[in-house]
């Protein structure tokens, strides 16, 4: 449950940062959470949300380390066009949300445009 709370916070930080980027249209958090536990093809989710790309990820813990993986998938062909793994200490959870949201925003800005 603690990890889910952190993952939701990271999702909100990403939505906040990405929605401030010129040219990016980002669905609200509620729309993202709707698909959280569903196993649907990326193309279907993208069509329903009316987006060209999907950002998804995973969160794992190992001892005192958080490993967060983010992937950007192009909806038209379901190809992953960018992926990155971040490792951070669990003790820095709040800072981690901001750091990763910033890094992902920069990476997506460079990948999508």
Foldseek 3Di string as FASTA:
>chain_A
DVVVVLVLLLVQLLQVVQCPDPPDDDDDSVLVVVCVPPDDQLLVSCVVVVHQKDKDWDWDDDDQKIKIKIWIAGNVVRDTQDIDIDIDGNVCSVVVSNVVSVVVNVVCVVRPD
